[in-house]
Amino acid sequence: MFCRYCGEENLEEAVYCKNCGKKLKEDIKTAEIIETPVVNQNNNNQQNNTQSTTTTSSSSNTDGSDWLSCCLCLIGIFIIFAIIGSL
């Protein structure tokens, strides 16, 4: 077996190149196992992103009204303190 990095000939059983020390064989099964979840994760992420976007859109309308309510309450409290302070 030849090293794909430096071209050195190595034993067939060798895991690392005797010249450069790099790994000679890639574990194909590991690569296939890793690829499958990535595809599933991307599909899940796309679904989650769609759900998140939908949820975020709904929440942003609610957050806007909550922010407005909070500001109105603070203005009301400020007016009450201004009236009490002027007495």
C-alpha atoms as a PDB file:
ATOM      1  CA  MET A   1       0.000   0.000   0.000  1.00  0.00           C
ATOM      2  CA  PHE A   2       1.297   3.448  -0.906  1.00  0.00           C
ATOM      3  CA  CYS A   3       0.796   6.562   1.206  1.00  0.00           C
ATOM      4  CA  ARG A   4      -1.420   9.053  -0.594  1.00  0.00           C
ATOM      5  CA  TYR A   5       0.425  11.961   1.041  1.00  0.00           C
ATOM      6  CA  CYS A   6       4.102  11.143   0.480  1.00  0.00           C
ATOM      7  CA  GLY A   7       3.997   8.102  -1.858  1.00  0.00           C
ATOM      8  CA  GLU A   8       5.998   5.847   0.495  1.00  0.00           C
ATOM      9  CA  GLU A   9       5.302   2.115   0.209  1.00  0.00           C
ATOM     10  CA  ASN A  10       4.003   0.591   3.448  1.00  0.00           C
ATOM     11  CA  LEU A  11       2.803  -2.819   4.610  1.00  0.00           C
ATOM     12  CA  GLU A  12      -0.830  -3.655   3.838  1.00  0.00           C
ATOM     13  CA  GLU A  13      -1.581  -3.976   7.579  1.00  0.00           C
ATOM     14  CA  ALA A  14      -0.029  -0.610   8.409  1.00  0.00           C
ATOM     15  CA  VAL A  15      -2.332   2.028   9.850  1.00  0.00           C
ATOM     16  CA  TYR A  16       0.128   4.937   9.655  1.00  0.00           C
ATOM     17  CA  CYS A  17       2.760   5.770   7.047  1.00  0.00           C
ATOM     18  CA  LYS A  18       6.282   4.851   8.166  1.00  0.00           C
ATOM     19  CA  ASN A  19       7.670   7.918   6.370  1.00  0.00           C
ATOM     20  CA  CYS A  20       5.298  10.814   7.118  1.00  0.00           C
ATOM     21  CA  GLY A  21       3.209   9.324   9.945  1.00  0.00           C
ATOM     22  CA  LYS A  22      -0.170  10.176   8.431  1.00  0.00           C
ATOM     23  CA  LYS A  23      -3.082   7.749   8.578  1.00  0.00           C
ATOM     24  CA  LEU A  24      -3.126   5.418   5.572  1.00  0.00           C
ATOM     25  CA  LYS A  25      -6.743   4.253   5.599  1.00  0.00           C
ATOM     26  CA  GLU A  26      -9.880   6.189   6.314  1.00  0.00           C
ATOM     27  CA  ASP A  27     -12.589   4.291   8.131  1.00  0.00           C
ATOM     28  CA  ILE A  28     -15.297   4.161   5.473  1.00  0.00           C
ATOM     29  CA  LYS A  29     -17.989   2.888   7.852  1.00  0.00           C
ATOM     30  CA  THR A  30     -17.425   5.826  10.178  1.00  0.00           C
ATOM     31  CA  ALA A  31     -17.726   8.256   7.290  1.00  0.00           C
ATOM     32  CA  GLU A  32     -21.017   6.685   6.195  1.00  0.00           C
ATOM     33  CA  ILE A  33     -22.385   6.728   9.731  1.00  0.00           C
ATOM     34  CA  ILE A  34     -21.426  10.363  10.118  1.00  0.00           C
ATOM     35  CA  GLU A  35     -23.010  11.335   6.793  1.00  0.00           C
ATOM     36  CA  THR A  36     -26.408   9.848   7.565  1.00  0.00           C
ATOM     37  CA  PRO A  37     -27.049  11.840  10.774  1.00  0.00           C
ATOM     38  CA  VAL A  38     -25.830  15.033   9.109  1.00  0.00           C
ATOM     39  CA  VAL A  39     -28.486  14.668   6.425  1.00  0.00           C
ATOM     40  CA  ASN A  40     -31.107  13.938   9.069  1.00  0.00           C
ATOM     41  CA  GLN A  41     -29.898  16.821  11.213  1.00  0.00           C
ATOM     42  CA  ASN A  42     -30.120  19.191   8.269  1.00  0.00           C
ATOM     43  CA  ASN A  43     -33.683  18.065   7.621  1.00  0.00           C
ATOM     44  CA  ASN A  44     -34.488  18.455  11.305  1.00  0.00           C
ATOM     45  CA  ASN A  45     -32.778  21.847  11.401  1.00  0.00           C
ATOM     46  CA  GLN A  46     -34.784  23.009   8.408  1.00  0.00           C
ATOM     47  CA  GLN A  47     -37.975  21.864  10.078  1.00  0.00           C
ATOM     48  CA  ASN A  48     -36.879  23.410  13.366  1.00  0.00           C
ATOM     49  CA  ASN A  49     -35.909  26.626  11.620  1.00  0.00           C
ATOM     50  CA  THR A  50     -39.309  26.740   9.958  1.00  0.00           C
ATOM     51  CA  GLN A  51     -41.007  26.126  13.282  1.00  0.00           C
ATOM     52  CA  SER A  52     -38.758  28.626  15.010  1.00  0.00           C
ATOM     53  CA  THR A  53     -39.452  31.218  12.357  1.00  0.00           C
ATOM     54  CA  THR A  54     -43.163  30.645  12.726  1.00  0.00           C
ATOM     55  CA  THR A  55     -42.895  30.793  16.498  1.00  0.00           C
ATOM     56  CA  THR A  56     -40.676  33.857  16.338  1.00  0.00           C
ATOM     57  CA  SER A  57     -43.111  35.634  14.042  1.00  0.00           C
ATOM     58  CA  SER A  58     -45.969  34.930  16.414  1.00  0.00           C
ATOM     59  CA  SER A  59     -43.854  35.893  19.410  1.00  0.00           C
ATOM     60  CA  SER A  60     -42.646  39.132  17.856  1.00  0.00           C
ATOM     61  CA  ASN A  61     -46.227  40.393  17.590  1.00  0.00           C
ATOM     62  CA  THR A  62     -46.828  39.466  21.212  1.00  0.00           C
ATOM     63  CA  ASP A  63     -43.493  40.942  22.278  1.00  0.00           C
ATOM     64  CA  GLY A  64     -44.370  44.229  20.570  1.00  0.00           C
ATOM     65  CA  SER A  65     -47.641  44.545  22.449  1.00  0.00           C
ATOM     66  CA  ASP A  66     -45.926  43.530  25.713  1.00  0.00           C
ATOM     67  CA  TRP A  67     -43.292  46.217  25.150  1.00  0.00           C
ATOM     68  CA  LEU A  68     -45.987  48.808  24.476  1.00  0.00           C
ATOM     69  CA  SER A  69     -47.907  47.785  27.604  1.00  0.00           C
ATOM     70  CA  CYS A  70     -44.751  48.026  29.693  1.00  0.00           C
ATOM     71  CA  CYS A  71     -43.977  51.522  28.376  1.00  0.00           C
ATOM     72  CA  LEU A  72     -47.526  52.713  29.051  1.00  0.00           C
ATOM     73  CA  CYS A  73     -47.351  51.379  32.615  1.00  0.00           C
ATOM     74  CA  LEU A  74     -44.037  53.144  33.214  1.00  0.00           C
ATOM     75  CA  ILE A  75     -45.413  56.411  31.826  1.00  0.00           C
ATOM     76  CA  GLY A  76     -48.469  56.045  34.079  1.00  0.00           C
ATOM     77  CA  ILE A  77     -46.274  55.450  37.126  1.00  0.00           C
ATOM     78  CA  PHE A  78     -44.139  58.469  36.198  1.00  0.00           C
ATOM     79  CA  ILE A  79     -47.254  60.660  35.941  1.00  0.00           C
ATOM     80  CA  ILE A  80     -48.513  59.428  39.324  1.00  0.00           C
ATOM     81  CA  PHE A  81     -45.166  60.208  40.976  1.00  0.00           C
ATOM     82  CA  ALA A  82     -45.099  63.635  39.292  1.00  0.00           C
ATOM     83  CA  ILE A  83     -48.558  64.437  40.677  1.00  0.00           C
ATOM     84  CA  ILE A  84     -47.660  63.192  44.162  1.00  0.00           C
ATOM     85  CA  GLY A  85     -44.354  65.077  44.077  1.00  0.00           C
ATOM     86  CA  SER A  86     -46.033  68.365  43.168  1.00  0.00           C
ATOM     87  CA  LEU A  87     -48.373  68.265  46.191  1.00  0.00           C
END
